[in-house]
Amino acid sequence: MIRAQGQARPPHHPVVADALDTDPSETWTEAQRKAAQRERLARMLPEIARSNAFYRPKLGRVTVDGWSAIPFTTKGELSADQAEHPPFGTNLTYPLERYTRLHQTSGSTGKPLRLLDTAESWEWWKETWRVIYRAAGVTARDRVFFCFSFGPFVGFWSAFAGAEHVGALAISGGAMSSSERLGALLATQATVLVCTPTYALRLAEVARDDGVDLSRSALRVSIHAGEPGASIPATRSRIEEVLGVTSFDHTGATEIGPTGFSCGARDGVHLIEREFIVEIRAEDGSVADEGEGELVLTNLGRWCSPAIRYRTGDRVRATREACPCGRTYVKLAGGILGRTDDMLTVRGVNVFPSVFEDIVRRFDDVVEFRIEAFTERGMDALRCTIEPRPGVDAAGLARAVEEAIHRDVGIRAQIAIAAPGTLPRFELKARRFHRRAEQV
């Protein structure tokens, strides 16, 4: 291996933000949080009810005190509204000429949804990103490299604008191959990498093939979104080992905004309750501000295209227990556990695909993998296809993975072996989980 260009230093010695370097809202008491959110809602709801055609029927004459009477909002509703009122739908609080930016969802859960922002709401995006960067210790001294294609998905653009907002040098990795990105990252001596967890590992794979040891580069921090990987211990550990960084998770959605970040404890994701009201919808339909269930969010700073009591479809375990970092923002323990419709029931065991990722990523000789759920002779079954590193004992590796899944989850999974380089690589959200028709 050759040493990468940049600052020679031992790996795993990043500069992380001090826990006390926070916005006052990050240590709110419960009373302070509720009072601040009520004040924002009291100003927001009347304006939206007056001029937003999508939310006017939902809000009616509801006040803050009648919050629980406001119906939930779903992505399906927003999509249907855009189909009926093309091209942007009716979730617009202001005249169209006031809007300055258009972005759209990734389309991973259906037809892409178009969202508009005003100049004011774009400032809100950037200021919310300041919280995320501060938690990861990113400052004006950093050089932030973005491994994205910079298509219409808002996350790329808002993260880039947010880096500029904190004074960092923002470096675009758009329209480049992975080898070209690697070269640019090294040439600019970037200190922060922003990409999906999957792509971080892909970049490390390319570096290894090119004889570059990224753990000796100038990189010290990585921030990831789009997948739960940065909150999955085995995936996070592998990223940190091959890149020589401390990795942080980030949550967000085009419909809602940049919602959360992992702190120095890195055992979950804090949601930015200065800007979002957090609710957890349990399976029985009851709603609380913590517990396990579906994450429901309301953004408080994007009045132009609001999301009010928006059902995200994400399964979480929210806790308000004290965090070592000192923040009182609610924490999603373990990050996003998975999509509510991705939960598997195999032989009576309920499990999310992220559990299998945590197991498979413990094996350094597994380069990529795929999970398939199907029914076989009327019973649930699971197949895990692994792509071993060239030259390893593939059969022995498959047995070890099978045993680990059985030991940790309590189910038997079929293990298949893929030839080197045959499983797909991903730049955006990885799609490793698939449901198949019944097999006989």
Protein backbone atom coordinates (compact mmCIF):
# COMPACT_ATOMS: atom_id res chain seq x y z
CA MET A 1 0.00 0.00 0.00
CA ILE A 2 1.18 3.54 -0.66
CA ARG A 3 0.57 6.43 1.67
CA ALA A 4 -2.10 8.86 0.49
CA GLN A 5 -1.29 12.52 0.02
CA GLY A 6 -2.17 14.82 2.87
CA GLN A 7 -1.36 15.13 6.50
CA ALA A 8 0.45 12.08 7.84
CA ARG A 9 -1.08 11.22 11.19
CA PRO A 10 -2.16 8.22 13.20
CA PRO A 11 -5.74 7.22 12.32
CA HIS A 12 -8.71 7.69 14.66
CA HIS A 13 -7.62 10.99 16.16
CA PRO A 14 -10.27 13.41 14.87
CA VAL A 15 -11.20 16.69 16.44
CA VAL A 16 -14.77 16.36 17.74
CA ALA A 17 -16.96 19.23 18.91
CA ASP A 18 -17.01 19.78 22.65
CA ALA A 19 -20.30 18.70 24.18
CA LEU A 20 -20.71 22.21 25.64
CA ASP A 21 -20.41 23.85 22.21
CA THR A 22 -24.15 23.75 21.61
CA ASP A 23 -27.11 25.95 20.88
CA PRO A 24 -29.09 26.74 24.07
CA SER A 25 -32.03 24.78 22.68
CA GLU A 26 -29.97 21.58 22.80
CA THR A 27 -30.18 21.56 26.59
CA TRP A 28 -33.79 22.70 26.97
CA THR A 29 -35.88 21.39 29.81
CA GLU A 30 -39.14 19.70 28.83
CA ALA A 31 -41.06 22.85 29.81
CA GLN A 32 -38.78 25.07 27.72
CA ARG A 33 -39.09 22.76 24.70
CA LYS A 34 -42.88 22.65 24.80
CA ALA A 35 -43.18 26.40 25.34
CA ALA A 36 -40.87 27.21 22.43
CA GLN A 37 -42.66 24.80 20.09
CA ARG A 38 -46.08 26.15 21.09
CA GLU A 39 -44.92 29.68 20.32
CA ARG A 40 -43.70 28.66 16.85
CA LEU A 41 -46.92 26.76 16.15
CA ALA A 42 -49.09 29.66 17.30
CA ARG A 43 -47.49 31.83 14.62
CA MET A 44 -47.25 29.16 11.93
CA LEU A 45 -50.65 27.45 11.93
CA PRO A 46 -52.84 30.51 11.19
CA GLU A 47 -50.72 31.55 8.22
CA ILE A 48 -50.74 28.06 6.74
CA ALA A 49 -54.47 27.60 7.35
CA ARG A 50 -55.16 30.92 5.65
CA SER A 51 -53.26 30.40 2.40
CA ASN A 52 -52.14 26.75 1.98
CA ALA A 53 -54.81 24.87 -0.01
CA PHE A 54 -53.47 21.43 0.94
CA TYR A 55 -53.48 22.00 4.69
CA ARG A 56 -56.50 24.28 4.99
CA PRO A 57 -59.00 21.37 5.22
CA LYS A 58 -56.75 19.52 7.67
CA LEU A 59 -56.28 22.48 9.99
CA GLY A 60 -59.74 24.07 9.84
CA ARG A 61 -60.09 26.16 13.01
CA VAL A 62 -57.71 23.99 15.03
CA THR A 63 -55.49 25.83 17.52
CA VAL A 64 -52.33 24.69 19.24
CA ASP A 65 -54.43 23.28 22.06
CA GLY A 66 -56.20 21.02 19.58
CA TRP A 67 -52.99 19.62 18.15
CA SER A 68 -53.97 15.98 18.50
CA ALA A 69 -57.08 16.60 16.37
CA ILE A 70 -55.00 17.50 13.30
CA PRO A 71 -54.93 14.51 10.92
CA PHE A 72 -51.63 12.91 10.02
CA THR A 73 -50.07 13.64 6.64
CA THR A 74 -48.67 10.86 4.44
CA LYS A 75 -46.43 10.84 1.41
CA GLY A 76 -49.23 9.15 -0.49
CA GLU A 77 -51.47 12.18 0.10
CA LEU A 78 -48.79 14.57 -1.14
CA SER A 79 -48.14 12.42 -4.22
CA ALA A 80 -51.84 12.20 -5.03
CA ASP A 81 -52.14 15.97 -4.62
CA GLN A 82 -49.32 16.55 -7.10
CA ALA A 83 -50.89 14.13 -9.56
CA GLU A 84 -54.20 15.99 -9.32
CA HIS A 85 -52.61 19.47 -9.38
CA PRO A 86 -49.46 19.24 -11.52
CA PRO A 87 -46.68 20.04 -11.46
CA PHE A 88 -46.20 21.14 -7.82
CA GLY A 89 -49.45 20.33 -6.02
CA THR A 90 -51.23 22.61 -3.56
CA ASN A 91 -48.90 22.38 -0.53
CA LEU A 92 -47.73 25.92 -1.24
CA THR A 93 -48.32 28.66 1.30
CA TYR A 94 -47.17 31.54 -0.90
CA PRO A 95 -47.56 32.63 -4.55
CA LEU A 96 -45.44 30.56 -6.93
CA GLU A 97 -43.22 33.49 -7.91
CA ARG A 98 -41.87 33.62 -4.34
CA TYR A 99 -40.26 30.17 -4.66
CA THR A 100 -36.65 29.93 -5.80
CA ARG A 101 -35.60 26.26 -5.58
CA LEU A 102 -37.05 22.91 -6.70
CA HIS A 103 -35.88 19.54 -5.41
CA GLN A 104 -37.42 16.10 -5.40
CA THR A 105 -37.37 12.91 -3.39
CA SER A 106 -35.14 10.04 -4.43
CA GLY A 107 -38.07 7.91 -5.59
CA SER A 108 -36.91 4.91 -3.55
CA THR A 109 -40.42 4.45 -2.12
CA GLY A 110 -42.48 5.46 -5.15
CA LYS A 111 -42.82 8.21 -7.73
CA PRO A 112 -40.53 11.18 -6.94
CA LEU A 113 -42.22 14.03 -5.09
CA ARG A 114 -41.36 17.61 -6.07
CA LEU A 115 -40.82 20.15 -3.26
CA LEU A 116 -40.32 23.90 -3.57
CA ASP A 117 -38.41 26.27 -1.28
CA THR A 118 -38.27 30.02 -0.92
CA ALA A 119 -35.13 32.02 -0.24
CA GLU A 120 -36.22 32.19 3.41
CA SER A 121 -36.74 28.45 3.77
CA TRP A 122 -33.39 27.77 2.09
CA GLU A 123 -31.75 29.85 4.82
CA TRP A 124 -33.59 27.62 7.31
CA TRP A 125 -32.09 24.53 5.66
CA LYS A 126 -28.58 25.99 5.94
CA GLU A 127 -28.98 27.09 9.53
CA THR A 128 -30.30 23.66 10.52
CA TRP A 129 -27.27 22.06 8.88
CA ARG A 130 -25.08 24.24 11.10
CA VAL A 131 -26.30 22.18 14.08
CA ILE A 132 -25.37 18.93 12.31
CA TYR A 133 -21.89 20.11 11.36
CA ARG A 134 -21.22 21.54 14.80
CA ALA A 135 -22.02 18.19 16.43
CA ALA A 136 -19.40 16.54 14.20
CA GLY A 137 -16.81 19.22 14.95
CA VAL A 138 -16.83 20.69 11.43
CA THR A 139 -15.63 24.30 11.33
CA ALA A 140 -14.38 26.94 8.90
CA ARG A 141 -10.96 25.24 9.03
CA ASP A 142 -12.32 22.14 7.27
CA ARG A 143 -12.42 21.08 3.64
CA VAL A 144 -15.62 19.13 3.03
CA PHE A 145 -15.75 16.72 0.08
CA PHE A 146 -19.18 15.68 -1.23
CA CYS A 147 -19.36 12.34 -3.08
CA PHE A 148 -22.68 12.97 -4.80
CA SER A 149 -23.86 13.41 -8.37
CA PHE A 150 -25.79 16.58 -7.42
CA GLY A 151 -29.02 15.61 -9.09
CA PRO A 152 -32.39 17.00 -7.92
CA PHE A 153 -32.25 15.34 -4.46
CA VAL A 154 -32.19 18.13 -1.85
CA GLY A 155 -29.87 16.44 0.64
CA PHE A 156 -26.78 16.98 -1.52
CA TRP A 157 -27.47 20.64 -2.17
CA SER A 158 -28.47 21.51 1.40
CA ALA A 159 -25.42 19.81 2.88
CA PHE A 160 -23.18 21.69 0.43
CA ALA A 161 -24.86 25.01 1.22
CA GLY A 162 -24.66 24.22 4.93
CA ALA A 163 -20.90 23.68 4.69
CA GLU A 164 -20.53 27.05 3.01
CA HIS A 165 -22.73 28.50 5.76
CA VAL A 166 -20.29 27.44 8.50
CA GLY A 167 -17.40 28.83 6.48
CA ALA A 168 -15.87 25.50 5.43
CA LEU A 169 -14.39 24.93 1.98
CA ALA A 170 -17.08 22.94 0.13
CA ILE A 171 -15.72 20.66 -2.62
CA SER A 172 -18.05 19.05 -5.16
CA GLY A 173 -17.41 15.48 -6.23
CA GLY A 174 -20.18 15.50 -8.81
CA ALA A 175 -19.84 14.10 -12.35
CA MET A 176 -16.78 12.03 -11.39
CA SER A 177 -15.96 8.36 -11.37
CA SER A 178 -14.97 6.84 -8.05
CA SER A 179 -11.30 6.90 -9.06
CA GLU A 180 -11.57 10.56 -10.01
CA ARG A 181 -13.24 11.35 -6.70
CA LEU A 182 -10.49 9.56 -4.84
CA GLY A 183 -7.88 11.60 -6.67
CA ALA A 184 -9.70 14.87 -6.03
CA LEU A 185 -10.20 14.06 -2.35
CA LEU A 186 -6.48 13.43 -1.92
CA ALA A 187 -5.35 16.37 -4.06
CA THR A 188 -7.47 18.86 -2.09
CA GLN A 189 -6.47 17.30 1.27
CA ALA A 190 -10.14 17.15 2.28
CA THR A 191 -10.73 16.68 6.00
CA VAL A 192 -14.45 15.79 5.97
CA LEU A 193 -16.26 13.28 3.74
CA VAL A 194 -20.02 13.48 3.16
CA CYS A 195 -21.68 10.52 1.40
CA THR A 196 -23.81 7.45 2.02
CA PRO A 197 -22.27 4.76 4.27
CA THR A 198 -22.24 2.37 1.34
CA TYR A 199 -20.32 4.78 -0.84
CA ALA A 200 -17.72 5.38 1.85
CA LEU A 201 -16.93 1.67 1.75
CA ARG A 202 -16.99 1.71 -2.05
CA LEU A 203 -14.47 4.57 -2.08
CA ALA A 204 -12.25 2.60 0.30
CA GLU A 205 -12.50 -0.41 -2.03
CA VAL A 206 -11.36 1.71 -4.98
CA ALA A 207 -8.53 3.15 -2.89
CA ARG A 208 -7.35 -0.31 -1.91
CA ASP A 209 -7.36 -1.42 -5.57
CA ASP A 210 -5.32 1.70 -6.43
CA GLY A 211 -2.84 1.01 -3.63
CA VAL A 212 -3.91 3.99 -1.53
CA ASP A 213 -4.28 3.83 2.26
CA LEU A 214 -7.07 6.31 2.98
CA SER A 215 -6.58 5.92 6.73
CA ARG A 216 -3.36 7.94 6.26
CA SER A 217 -5.05 10.78 4.36
CA ALA A 218 -6.14 14.13 5.77
CA LEU A 219 -9.67 12.85 6.40
CA ARG A 220 -10.72 13.00 10.05
CA VAL A 221 -14.55 13.03 9.99
CA SER A 222 -17.23 11.44 7.82
CA ILE A 223 -20.95 12.29 7.85
CA HIS A 224 -23.44 9.86 6.34
CA ALA A 225 -27.11 9.82 5.40
CA GLY A 226 -29.55 7.96 3.19
CA GLU A 227 -29.09 4.63 4.99
CA PRO A 228 -28.89 3.55 8.65
CA GLY A 229 -25.29 2.30 8.22
CA ALA A 230 -23.54 5.01 10.25
CA SER A 231 -25.66 3.98 13.26
CA ILE A 232 -25.00 0.27 12.71
CA PRO A 233 -21.95 -0.53 14.87
CA ALA A 234 -20.25 -2.97 12.48
CA THR A 235 -20.72 -0.73 9.44
CA ARG A 236 -19.56 2.36 11.31
CA SER A 237 -16.50 0.53 12.66
CA ARG A 238 -15.51 -0.63 9.19
CA ILE A 239 -15.84 2.88 7.77
CA GLU A 240 -13.75 4.29 10.59
CA GLU A 241 -11.08 1.64 10.15
CA VAL A 242 -10.65 1.97 6.39
CA LEU A 243 -10.92 5.77 6.30
CA GLY A 244 -9.23 6.65 9.59
CA VAL A 245 -12.14 8.89 10.64
CA THR A 246 -14.84 9.27 13.22
CA SER A 247 -18.18 8.68 11.50
CA PHE A 248 -21.43 10.47 12.28
CA ASP A 249 -24.97 9.67 11.22
CA HIS A 250 -27.47 12.20 9.88
CA THR A 251 -31.19 11.87 9.23
CA GLY A 252 -33.44 13.94 7.01
CA ALA A 253 -35.96 13.90 4.18
CA THR A 254 -36.85 16.15 1.28
CA GLU A 255 -40.42 16.47 2.57
CA ILE A 256 -39.31 17.52 6.06
CA GLY A 257 -35.77 18.86 6.21
CA PRO A 258 -32.44 17.96 7.87
CA THR A 259 -33.80 16.39 11.04
CA GLY A 260 -31.03 14.86 13.12
CA PHE A 261 -27.43 14.03 13.93
CA SER A 262 -25.36 11.66 16.01
CA CYS A 263 -23.38 13.18 18.89
CA GLY A 264 -20.06 12.13 20.38
CA ALA A 265 -21.74 9.19 22.09
CA ARG A 266 -22.72 7.87 18.63
CA ASP A 267 -25.28 5.45 20.03
CA GLY A 268 -28.19 7.02 18.21
CA VAL A 269 -29.44 10.17 16.49
CA HIS A 270 -30.64 13.34 18.22
CA LEU A 271 -33.55 15.08 16.50
CA ILE A 272 -33.35 18.87 16.32
CA GLU A 273 -36.38 19.76 18.42
CA ARG A 274 -35.77 23.46 18.00
CA GLU A 275 -36.99 22.94 14.42
CA PHE A 276 -39.16 19.80 14.59
CA ILE A 277 -41.96 18.44 16.75
CA VAL A 278 -41.37 14.74 17.36
CA GLU A 279 -44.14 12.20 17.87
CA ILE A 280 -44.00 8.42 17.98
CA ARG A 281 -47.02 6.53 16.66
CA ALA A 282 -47.30 3.09 18.25
CA GLU A 283 -48.79 0.07 16.50
CA ASP A 284 -52.08 0.54 18.38
CA GLY A 285 -52.37 4.09 16.99
CA SER A 286 -51.53 5.87 20.24
CA VAL A 287 -49.06 8.77 20.09
CA ALA A 288 -46.37 9.83 22.57
CA ASP A 289 -43.16 11.87 22.50
CA GLU A 290 -40.97 8.79 23.06
CA GLY A 291 -41.15 4.99 22.77
CA GLU A 292 -41.03 2.60 19.83
CA GLY A 293 -43.08 3.01 16.68
CA GLU A 294 -43.34 5.12 13.54
CA LEU A 295 -41.63 8.51 13.56
CA VAL A 296 -44.02 11.43 12.98
CA LEU A 297 -42.52 14.89 12.41
CA THR A 298 -43.66 18.48 12.00
CA ASN A 299 -41.20 21.05 10.67
CA LEU A 300 -41.43 24.48 12.25
CA GLY A 301 -39.24 26.56 9.93
CA ARG A 302 -40.38 25.68 6.44
CA TRP A 303 -43.72 27.44 6.27
CA CYS A 304 -43.62 27.68 2.48
CA SER A 305 -44.02 23.88 1.98
CA PRO A 306 -44.78 22.55 5.44
CA ALA A 307 -44.95 19.01 6.77
CA ILE A 308 -47.45 18.81 9.62
CA ARG A 309 -47.75 15.57 11.59
CA TYR A 310 -45.98 13.80 8.73
CA ARG A 311 -45.80 10.01 8.97
CA THR A 312 -42.25 9.27 7.86
CA GLY A 313 -42.62 5.50 7.57
CA ASP A 314 -39.46 5.09 9.66
CA ARG A 315 -39.45 2.69 12.59
CA VAL A 316 -37.60 4.12 15.59
CA ARG A 317 -37.01 3.67 19.30
CA ALA A 318 -37.07 7.18 20.79
CA THR A 319 -35.76 7.88 24.27
CA ARG A 320 -35.50 10.92 26.49
CA GLU A 321 -33.00 9.40 28.87
CA ALA A 322 -29.97 11.52 29.70
CA CYS A 323 -27.27 11.47 27.00
CA PRO A 324 -23.56 11.60 27.91
CA CYS A 325 -23.14 14.53 25.52
CA GLY A 326 -25.41 16.68 27.70
CA ARG A 327 -28.06 17.34 25.07
CA THR A 328 -31.72 16.92 25.96
CA TYR A 329 -32.98 16.56 22.41
CA VAL A 330 -34.83 13.25 21.99
CA LYS A 331 -32.57 10.46 20.77
CA LEU A 332 -33.41 7.69 18.31
CA ALA A 333 -31.54 4.78 19.89
CA GLY A 334 -29.59 3.03 17.15
CA GLY A 335 -30.75 5.59 14.58
CA ILE A 336 -33.46 4.65 12.09
CA LEU A 337 -34.23 0.98 12.70
CA GLY A 338 -35.79 0.53 9.27
CA ARG A 339 -38.83 1.28 7.17
CA THR A 340 -42.06 0.16 8.80
CA ASP A 341 -42.93 -1.93 5.73
CA ASP A 342 -39.46 -3.56 5.64
CA MET A 343 -39.83 -5.46 8.90
CA LEU A 344 -39.48 -9.19 8.33
CA THR A 345 -41.14 -12.00 10.23
CA VAL A 346 -39.09 -15.14 9.70
CA ARG A 347 -40.03 -18.22 11.70
CA GLY A 348 -41.88 -16.00 14.14
CA VAL A 349 -38.93 -13.61 14.65
CA ASN A 350 -39.49 -9.93 13.82
CA VAL A 351 -36.35 -8.31 12.43
CA PHE A 352 -35.25 -5.42 10.20
CA PRO A 353 -32.70 -5.77 7.36
CA SER A 354 -30.31 -3.48 9.29
CA VAL A 355 -29.81 -6.29 11.81
CA PHE A 356 -28.33 -8.47 9.08
CA GLU A 357 -26.10 -5.63 7.91
CA ASP A 358 -24.64 -5.36 11.40
CA ILE A 359 -23.80 -9.06 11.31
CA VAL A 360 -22.44 -9.27 7.76
CA ARG A 361 -20.29 -6.14 8.12
CA ARG A 362 -18.36 -7.78 10.98
CA PHE A 363 -16.68 -9.97 8.36
CA ASP A 364 -13.93 -7.98 6.66
CA ASP A 365 -13.77 -10.52 3.84
CA VAL A 366 -17.35 -9.71 2.73
CA VAL A 367 -17.14 -6.92 0.16
CA GLU A 368 -20.88 -6.64 -0.63
CA PHE A 369 -24.08 -8.47 0.22
CA ARG A 370 -27.79 -8.75 -0.63
CA ILE A 371 -30.76 -9.91 1.49
CA GLU A 372 -33.80 -11.58 -0.08
CA ALA A 373 -37.00 -12.52 1.75
CA PHE A 374 -39.43 -14.99 0.22
CA THR A 375 -41.84 -17.78 1.11
CA GLU A 376 -40.92 -21.39 0.53
CA ARG A 377 -43.60 -24.09 0.82
CA GLY A 378 -45.80 -21.61 2.61
CA MET A 379 -43.16 -20.58 5.16
CA ASP A 380 -41.01 -17.43 5.45
CA ALA A 381 -37.41 -17.84 4.30
CA LEU A 382 -34.33 -15.66 3.97
CA ARG A 383 -31.39 -15.74 1.60
CA CYS A 384 -28.19 -13.76 2.16
CA THR A 385 -25.90 -13.49 -0.86
CA ILE A 386 -22.33 -12.48 -0.04
CA GLU A 387 -19.53 -11.36 -2.32
CA PRO A 388 -16.23 -12.48 -0.78
CA ARG A 389 -12.96 -10.69 -1.19
CA PRO A 390 -10.89 -12.38 -3.94
CA GLY A 391 -8.69 -15.18 -2.69
CA VAL A 392 -10.54 -16.00 0.53
CA ASP A 393 -12.16 -19.31 1.47
CA ALA A 394 -15.66 -18.49 0.21
CA ALA A 395 -17.26 -21.66 1.56
CA GLY A 396 -15.76 -21.17 5.00
CA LEU A 397 -16.82 -17.52 5.00
CA ALA A 398 -20.39 -18.51 4.06
CA ARG A 399 -20.54 -20.98 6.95
CA ALA A 400 -19.28 -18.34 9.38
CA VAL A 401 -21.90 -15.82 8.23
CA GLU A 402 -24.65 -18.42 8.47
CA GLU A 403 -23.61 -19.34 12.00
CA ALA A 404 -23.46 -15.68 13.08
CA ILE A 405 -26.98 -15.00 11.78
CA HIS A 406 -28.33 -18.08 13.54
CA ARG A 407 -26.53 -17.21 16.77
CA ASP A 408 -27.55 -13.54 16.87
CA VAL A 409 -31.03 -13.63 15.33
CA GLY A 410 -32.15 -17.18 15.98
CA ILE A 411 -33.08 -18.05 12.40
CA ARG A 412 -31.46 -20.08 9.65
CA ALA A 413 -30.67 -18.11 6.51
CA GLN A 414 -29.67 -19.58 3.17
CA ILE A 415 -26.22 -18.28 2.21
CA ALA A 416 -25.29 -17.85 -1.45
CA ILE A 417 -21.91 -16.81 -2.85
CA ALA A 418 -21.53 -14.22 -5.61
CA ALA A 419 -18.46 -13.96 -7.81
CA PRO A 420 -16.14 -11.00 -7.12
CA GLY A 421 -17.43 -7.75 -8.61
CA THR A 422 -20.90 -9.09 -9.49
CA LEU A 423 -23.10 -7.54 -6.80
CA PRO A 424 -24.17 -3.95 -7.52
CA ARG A 425 -22.35 -0.94 -6.05
CA PHE A 426 -24.32 2.11 -4.98
CA GLU A 427 -23.66 5.84 -4.86
CA LEU A 428 -27.02 6.84 -3.42
CA LYS A 429 -29.29 4.78 -1.20
CA ALA A 430 -28.24 1.16 -1.37
CA ARG A 431 -30.96 -1.32 -2.27
CA ARG A 432 -29.72 -4.55 -0.76
CA PHE A 433 -33.07 -5.81 0.54
CA HIS A 434 -35.55 -7.47 -1.81
CA ARG A 435 -38.82 -9.36 -1.42
CA ARG A 436 -39.36 -12.24 -3.83
CA ALA A 437 -42.37 -14.24 -4.91
CA GLU A 438 -42.96 -17.66 -3.38
CA GLN A 439 -40.51 -20.35 -4.38
CA VAL A 440 -41.21 -24.07 -4.53
